[in-house]
């Protein structure tokens, strides 16, 4: 009787590989095995589905992070764009004003604003000059090591001032002949703009006045090192010569191809210190339009990644409702 019942149960479960090990196996045992198989079969797809949904959720959050970061960088570039536009407008306004004398600037502290045009006369004290740097200079694809030369000027009216005379090569200290050409004696007349102390980045080391190591322009400390009061102003001397006055400069391709210069061009040797031209202060390494383009790039990247993250999160919800 038991064998017949086993055969009867086996007829109803031909698709399952339920092992019937002996003739004593009852139909109830086979039915229990069938129910367990059905439960395990229905459970494995749900585990796989929940794991896939968790992966989708994880990828959704992973994609939202770069989208949010790109949007934040875009807002940061917009803020820099506005600040740079204000700085350019401020520089143009300062250069449109007439220069004032150093005596007038000293008597009116409100006039001692950065980029104020100032003219002065006096004698340069070359023996107290300080080199600040290193400040490499790039010209026609060639980088030259050098420094910024700061020299105190004893004003004819008794008002002393620090003068940023410009860039000098690294051999300035060792080459006496080069120094003699750039150290005028007697009374000189200078014109430039008032500058404040620099704001060094975290990678610039601190100045070491005791060792004569100066890495950035700290106006009060430089004044004290030159035996001047700490409130002595700093004047950056500027050259009024424009690019058209200096003549055409050969490009890097002209040099590599050894192309002849136009007729009438005269190659003039550079004389040190090299002062910046007035037009140089109106040009920045990163102009306002560059910041605007950077902002648009970051916003475009955020707009491209954000829908992918939202789609990954929404697909999880849809799958839940569908279930």
Protein backbone atom coordinates (compact mmCIF):
# COMPACT_ATOMS: atom_id res chain seq x y z
CA UNK A 1 0.00 0.00 0.00
CA UNK A 2 2.86 2.41 0.87
CA UNK A 3 4.63 1.77 -2.44
CA UNK A 4 1.48 2.55 -4.39
CA UNK A 5 1.01 5.82 -2.50
CA UNK A 6 4.58 6.85 -3.28
CA UNK A 7 4.02 6.11 -6.96
CA UNK A 8 0.81 8.15 -6.84
CA UNK A 9 2.57 11.15 -5.32
CA UNK A 10 5.41 10.90 -7.79
CA UNK A 11 2.94 11.17 -10.65
CA UNK A 12 1.87 14.60 -9.38
CA UNK A 13 5.41 15.93 -9.02
CA UNK A 14 7.18 14.80 -12.19
CA UNK A 15 8.98 18.15 -12.65
CA UNK A 16 10.62 18.17 -9.23
CA UNK A 17 13.68 16.14 -8.50
CA UNK A 18 12.47 14.88 -5.15
CA UNK A 19 14.53 11.89 -4.18
CA UNK A 20 12.51 8.92 -2.94
CA UNK A 21 15.08 6.88 -1.15
CA UNK A 22 13.08 3.91 0.08
CA UNK A 23 9.76 2.27 -0.21
CA UNK A 24 8.87 3.35 3.34
CA UNK A 25 8.62 7.03 2.29
CA UNK A 26 5.07 8.21 2.76
CA UNK A 27 3.07 10.56 0.62
CA UNK A 28 3.01 13.11 3.46
CA UNK A 29 6.81 13.25 3.44
CA UNK A 30 6.85 13.88 -0.29
CA UNK A 31 4.20 16.59 0.07
CA UNK A 32 6.28 18.32 2.77
CA UNK A 33 9.31 18.22 0.52
CA UNK A 34 7.24 19.70 -2.31
CA UNK A 35 6.03 22.55 -0.10
CA UNK A 36 9.60 23.35 1.02
CA UNK A 37 10.80 23.41 -2.58
CA UNK A 38 8.00 25.75 -3.56
CA UNK A 39 8.88 28.11 -0.69
CA UNK A 40 12.57 28.20 -1.54
CA UNK A 41 11.77 28.72 -5.21
CA UNK A 42 9.51 31.68 -4.45
CA UNK A 43 12.01 33.17 -1.97
CA UNK A 44 15.13 33.38 -4.18
CA UNK A 45 13.68 35.84 -6.75
CA UNK A 46 12.64 38.23 -3.98
CA UNK A 47 16.17 38.21 -2.54
CA UNK A 48 17.61 38.95 -5.96
CA UNK A 49 15.08 41.74 -6.52
CA UNK A 50 15.82 43.43 -3.18
CA UNK A 51 19.55 43.24 -3.87
CA UNK A 52 19.10 44.86 -7.29
CA UNK A 53 16.97 47.61 -5.76
CA UNK A 54 19.66 48.29 -3.14
CA UNK A 55 22.29 48.55 -5.87
CA UNK A 56 20.11 50.99 -7.81
CA UNK A 57 19.64 53.12 -4.71
CA UNK A 58 23.37 53.11 -4.04
CA UNK A 59 24.17 54.18 -7.60
CA UNK A 60 21.53 56.90 -7.37
CA UNK A 61 23.22 58.46 -4.36
CA UNK A 62 26.65 58.01 -5.95
CA UNK A 63 25.50 59.99 -9.00
CA UNK A 64 23.89 62.72 -6.88
CA UNK A 65 27.22 63.51 -5.17
CA UNK A 66 29.09 64.70 -8.32
CA UNK A 67 25.94 66.50 -9.48
CA UNK A 68 25.77 68.49 -6.24
CA UNK A 69 29.52 69.10 -6.25
CA UNK A 70 29.45 70.37 -9.84
CA UNK A 71 26.58 72.73 -9.02
CA UNK A 72 28.49 74.08 -6.01
CA UNK A 73 31.59 74.68 -8.14
CA UNK A 74 29.45 76.48 -10.70
CA UNK A 75 28.09 78.82 -8.00
CA UNK A 76 31.64 79.40 -6.77
CA UNK A 77 32.79 80.38 -10.24
CA UNK A 78 29.82 82.76 -10.57
CA UNK A 79 30.87 84.46 -7.32
CA UNK A 80 34.44 84.76 -8.61
CA UNK A 81 33.11 86.15 -11.89
CA UNK A 82 31.31 88.96 -10.04
CA UNK A 83 34.35 89.74 -7.86
CA UNK A 84 36.65 89.80 -10.88
CA UNK A 85 34.33 92.18 -12.72
CA UNK A 86 34.35 94.48 -9.68
CA UNK A 87 38.16 94.31 -9.56
CA UNK A 88 38.50 95.14 -13.26
CA UNK A 89 36.10 98.09 -12.88
CA UNK A 90 38.00 99.28 -9.80
CA UNK A 91 41.32 99.11 -11.66
CA UNK A 92 39.96 101.05 -14.63
CA UNK A 93 38.53 103.72 -12.33
CA UNK A 94 41.84 104.08 -10.47
CA UNK A 95 43.81 104.50 -13.70
CA UNK A 96 41.42 107.12 -15.02
CA UNK A 97 42.16 109.39 -12.03
CA UNK A 98 45.05 111.87 -12.08
CA UNK A 99 48.17 110.92 -10.11
CA UNK A 100 48.72 112.58 -6.74
CA UNK A 101 51.97 113.44 -5.01
CA UNK A 102 53.31 111.23 -2.28
CA UNK A 103 53.16 114.15 0.18
CA UNK A 104 49.44 114.58 -0.46
CA UNK A 105 48.84 110.88 -0.08
CA UNK A 106 50.72 110.80 3.24
CA UNK A 107 48.72 113.74 4.62
CA UNK A 108 45.40 112.10 3.69
CA UNK A 109 45.20 108.48 4.92
CA UNK A 110 41.94 108.00 2.98
CA UNK A 111 43.90 108.59 -0.23
CA UNK A 112 46.18 105.62 0.51
CA UNK A 113 43.98 103.16 -1.34
CA UNK A 114 45.43 100.36 -3.38
CA UNK A 115 46.03 101.18 -7.06
CA UNK A 116 46.02 104.93 -6.36
CA UNK A 117 48.29 106.59 -8.92
CA UNK A 118 51.23 108.32 -7.22
CA UNK A 119 54.26 110.27 -8.44
CA UNK A 120 57.35 110.96 -6.35
CA UNK A 121 60.92 112.21 -6.58
CA UNK A 122 63.96 111.35 -4.52
CA UNK A 123 67.09 109.24 -4.20
CA UNK A 124 67.08 105.46 -4.33
CA UNK A 125 68.97 103.81 -1.46
CA UNK A 126 70.36 100.85 -3.36
CA UNK A 127 72.41 99.53 -0.44
CA UNK A 128 69.15 98.70 1.37
CA UNK A 129 67.54 96.85 -1.53
CA UNK A 130 65.72 93.59 -0.82
CA UNK A 131 65.04 90.72 -3.22
CA UNK A 132 61.65 89.02 -2.82
CA UNK A 133 61.08 85.64 -4.37
CA UNK A 134 61.82 83.50 -6.22
CA UNK A 135 59.62 84.98 -8.94
CA UNK A 136 60.14 83.12 -12.25
CA UNK A 137 59.41 84.97 -15.47
CA UNK A 138 58.19 83.32 -18.67
CA UNK A 139 59.14 84.91 -21.98
CA UNK A 140 58.56 83.29 -25.39
CA UNK A 141 58.26 79.83 -23.86
CA UNK A 142 61.42 80.15 -21.75
CA UNK A 143 61.21 80.39 -17.95
CA UNK A 144 63.86 82.47 -16.20
CA UNK A 145 64.45 82.44 -12.43
CA UNK A 146 64.44 85.82 -10.78
CA UNK A 147 63.22 88.08 -8.00
CA UNK A 148 61.21 91.22 -7.32
CA UNK A 149 63.48 94.15 -6.40
CA UNK A 150 62.31 96.42 -3.57
CA UNK A 151 64.36 99.58 -2.90
CA UNK A 152 63.62 102.38 -0.42
CA UNK A 153 63.43 105.91 -1.83
CA UNK A 154 64.35 108.96 0.22
CA UNK A 155 61.83 111.55 -0.93
CA UNK A 156 62.92 115.06 -1.82
CA UNK A 157 60.15 116.38 0.42
CA UNK A 158 61.20 114.18 3.33
CA UNK A 159 58.57 111.50 2.70
CA UNK A 160 60.18 108.06 2.32
CA UNK A 161 58.60 105.25 0.34
CA UNK A 162 59.33 101.65 -0.62
CA UNK A 163 59.56 101.13 -4.36
CA UNK A 164 58.82 97.86 -6.14
CA UNK A 165 61.17 98.49 -9.04
CA UNK A 166 60.29 95.35 -10.99
CA UNK A 167 61.79 91.99 -11.92
CA UNK A 168 65.51 91.16 -11.97
CA UNK A 169 67.22 87.88 -12.97
CA UNK A 170 68.67 85.52 -10.38
CA UNK A 171 72.24 86.59 -11.25
CA UNK A 172 71.48 90.15 -10.11
CA UNK A 173 73.30 89.62 -6.81
CA UNK A 174 76.46 88.20 -8.37
CA UNK A 175 76.70 90.36 -11.52
CA UNK A 176 78.04 93.75 -10.42
CA UNK A 177 77.99 95.07 -13.99
CA UNK A 178 74.32 94.22 -14.36
CA UNK A 179 73.52 95.90 -11.06
CA UNK A 180 75.40 99.07 -11.97
CA UNK A 181 73.24 99.50 -15.08
CA UNK A 182 70.06 99.28 -13.04
CA UNK A 183 71.10 101.43 -10.08
CA UNK A 184 70.75 105.08 -11.08
CA UNK A 185 72.42 107.62 -8.82
CA UNK A 186 71.14 111.03 -7.90
CA UNK A 187 67.58 112.28 -8.01
CA UNK A 188 65.02 110.18 -9.88
CA UNK A 189 61.35 110.71 -10.70
CA UNK A 190 59.02 107.71 -10.46
CA UNK A 191 55.37 107.12 -11.21
CA UNK A 192 53.29 104.12 -10.28
CA UNK A 193 50.48 102.85 -8.11
CA UNK A 194 50.15 102.23 -4.41
CA UNK A 195 50.20 98.56 -3.41
CA UNK A 196 49.36 96.75 -0.19
CA UNK A 197 50.86 93.60 1.29
CA UNK A 198 50.38 90.37 -0.62
CA UNK A 199 48.17 87.58 0.66
CA UNK A 200 50.31 84.45 0.39
CA UNK A 201 48.76 81.06 -0.23
CA UNK A 202 49.16 78.13 2.12
CA UNK A 203 52.06 76.82 0.01
CA UNK A 204 54.20 79.99 0.40
CA UNK A 205 56.56 79.81 3.40
CA UNK A 206 56.80 82.54 5.99
CA UNK A 207 59.33 85.31 5.52
CA UNK A 208 62.54 85.07 7.54
CA UNK A 209 63.86 88.65 7.89
CA UNK A 210 66.70 87.55 10.17
CA UNK A 211 68.07 85.33 7.38
CA UNK A 212 67.25 87.78 4.59
CA UNK A 213 64.74 85.33 3.07
CA UNK A 214 61.69 87.10 1.65
CA UNK A 215 59.06 85.05 -0.19
CA UNK A 216 56.16 87.52 -0.37
CA UNK A 217 55.60 91.26 -0.05
CA UNK A 218 54.91 92.13 3.59
CA UNK A 219 55.02 95.94 3.49
CA UNK A 220 55.40 96.69 7.25
CA UNK A 221 58.10 94.02 7.68
CA UNK A 222 59.97 95.21 4.58
CA UNK A 223 59.85 98.79 5.86
CA UNK A 224 61.32 97.76 9.21
CA UNK A 225 64.06 95.78 7.45
CA UNK A 226 64.95 98.96 5.51
CA UNK A 227 65.09 101.05 8.72
CA UNK A 228 61.84 102.83 7.86
CA UNK A 229 58.60 103.23 9.85
CA UNK A 230 56.18 100.28 9.50
CA UNK A 231 53.50 102.53 7.96
CA UNK A 232 55.75 103.40 5.00
CA UNK A 233 53.75 102.94 1.76
CA UNK A 234 54.82 100.71 -1.12
CA UNK A 235 54.87 102.14 -4.64
CA UNK A 236 54.97 99.82 -7.65
CA UNK A 237 56.81 101.64 -10.41
CA UNK A 238 55.17 101.21 -13.80
CA UNK A 239 56.38 101.66 -17.33
CA UNK A 240 54.18 103.68 -19.65
CA UNK A 241 55.62 101.88 -22.69
CA UNK A 242 53.00 99.84 -24.52
CA UNK A 243 53.56 96.81 -26.71
CA UNK A 244 53.40 98.98 -29.83
CA UNK A 245 56.12 101.24 -28.43
CA UNK A 246 58.33 98.31 -27.55
CA UNK A 247 58.01 96.86 -31.02
CA UNK A 248 56.65 93.50 -32.16
CA UNK A 249 57.70 90.53 -30.10
CA UNK A 250 58.49 87.32 -32.02
CA UNK A 251 56.20 84.44 -31.21
CA UNK A 252 57.37 80.96 -30.27
CA UNK A 253 56.54 79.70 -33.77
CA UNK A 254 58.61 82.52 -35.27
CA UNK A 255 61.59 81.45 -33.20
CA UNK A 256 61.20 77.73 -33.96
CA UNK A 257 60.75 78.36 -37.69
CA UNK A 258 63.55 80.97 -37.73
CA UNK A 259 61.35 83.41 -39.58
CA UNK A 260 62.86 86.81 -40.36
CA UNK A 261 61.42 89.76 -38.45
CA UNK A 262 59.60 92.53 -40.34
CA UNK A 263 61.59 95.33 -41.91
CA UNK A 264 62.41 98.11 -39.50
CA UNK A 265 62.30 95.89 -36.42
CA UNK A 266 65.10 96.55 -33.99
CA UNK A 267 66.02 94.01 -31.37
CA UNK A 268 66.60 95.91 -28.14
CA UNK A 269 68.32 94.32 -25.18
CA UNK A 270 66.32 94.22 -21.98
CA UNK A 271 67.44 96.53 -19.21
CA UNK A 272 66.79 95.58 -15.61
CA UNK A 273 64.77 95.93 -13.46
CA UNK A 274 61.85 95.10 -15.77
CA UNK A 275 58.83 97.13 -14.76
CA UNK A 276 55.31 96.11 -15.55
CA UNK A 277 53.41 98.24 -18.02
CA UNK A 278 50.20 100.01 -17.09
CA UNK A 279 48.27 97.71 -19.41
CA UNK A 280 49.57 94.67 -17.51
CA UNK A 281 47.58 95.65 -14.42
CA UNK A 282 44.41 95.72 -16.51
CA UNK A 283 44.91 92.12 -17.60
CA UNK A 284 44.48 89.15 -15.27
CA UNK A 285 45.57 85.56 -15.76
CA UNK A 286 41.90 84.58 -15.40
CA UNK A 287 39.55 87.17 -16.86
CA UNK A 288 35.83 87.51 -15.96
CA UNK A 289 34.75 85.72 -19.14
CA UNK A 290 36.89 82.73 -18.15
CA UNK A 291 35.09 82.43 -14.81
CA UNK A 292 31.76 82.59 -16.63
CA UNK A 293 32.79 79.80 -19.01
CA UNK A 294 33.98 77.68 -16.09
CA UNK A 295 30.62 78.18 -14.35
CA UNK A 296 28.69 77.14 -17.46
CA UNK A 297 30.86 74.02 -17.76
CA UNK A 298 30.20 72.97 -14.15
CA UNK A 299 26.46 73.62 -14.46
CA UNK A 300 26.31 71.60 -17.69
CA UNK A 301 28.07 68.68 -16.00
CA UNK A 302 25.65 68.85 -13.07
CA UNK A 303 22.66 68.94 -15.43
CA UNK A 304 23.97 65.87 -17.26
CA UNK A 305 24.57 63.75 -14.14
CA UNK A 306 21.57 64.79 -12.02
CA UNK A 307 18.88 63.06 -14.18
CA UNK A 308 20.82 59.80 -14.03
CA UNK A 309 20.80 59.81 -10.24
CA UNK A 310 17.10 60.74 -10.07
CA UNK A 311 16.26 58.00 -12.55
CA UNK A 312 18.10 55.41 -10.48
CA UNK A 313 16.17 56.41 -7.35
CA UNK A 314 12.81 56.59 -9.14
CA UNK A 315 13.24 53.14 -10.71
CA UNK A 316 13.43 51.67 -7.22
CA UNK A 317 10.12 53.28 -6.24
CA UNK A 318 8.45 52.15 -9.46
CA UNK A 319 9.58 48.58 -8.90
CA UNK A 320 8.09 48.67 -5.39
CA UNK A 321 4.72 49.88 -6.64
CA UNK A 322 4.83 47.34 -9.44
CA UNK A 323 5.43 44.57 -6.94
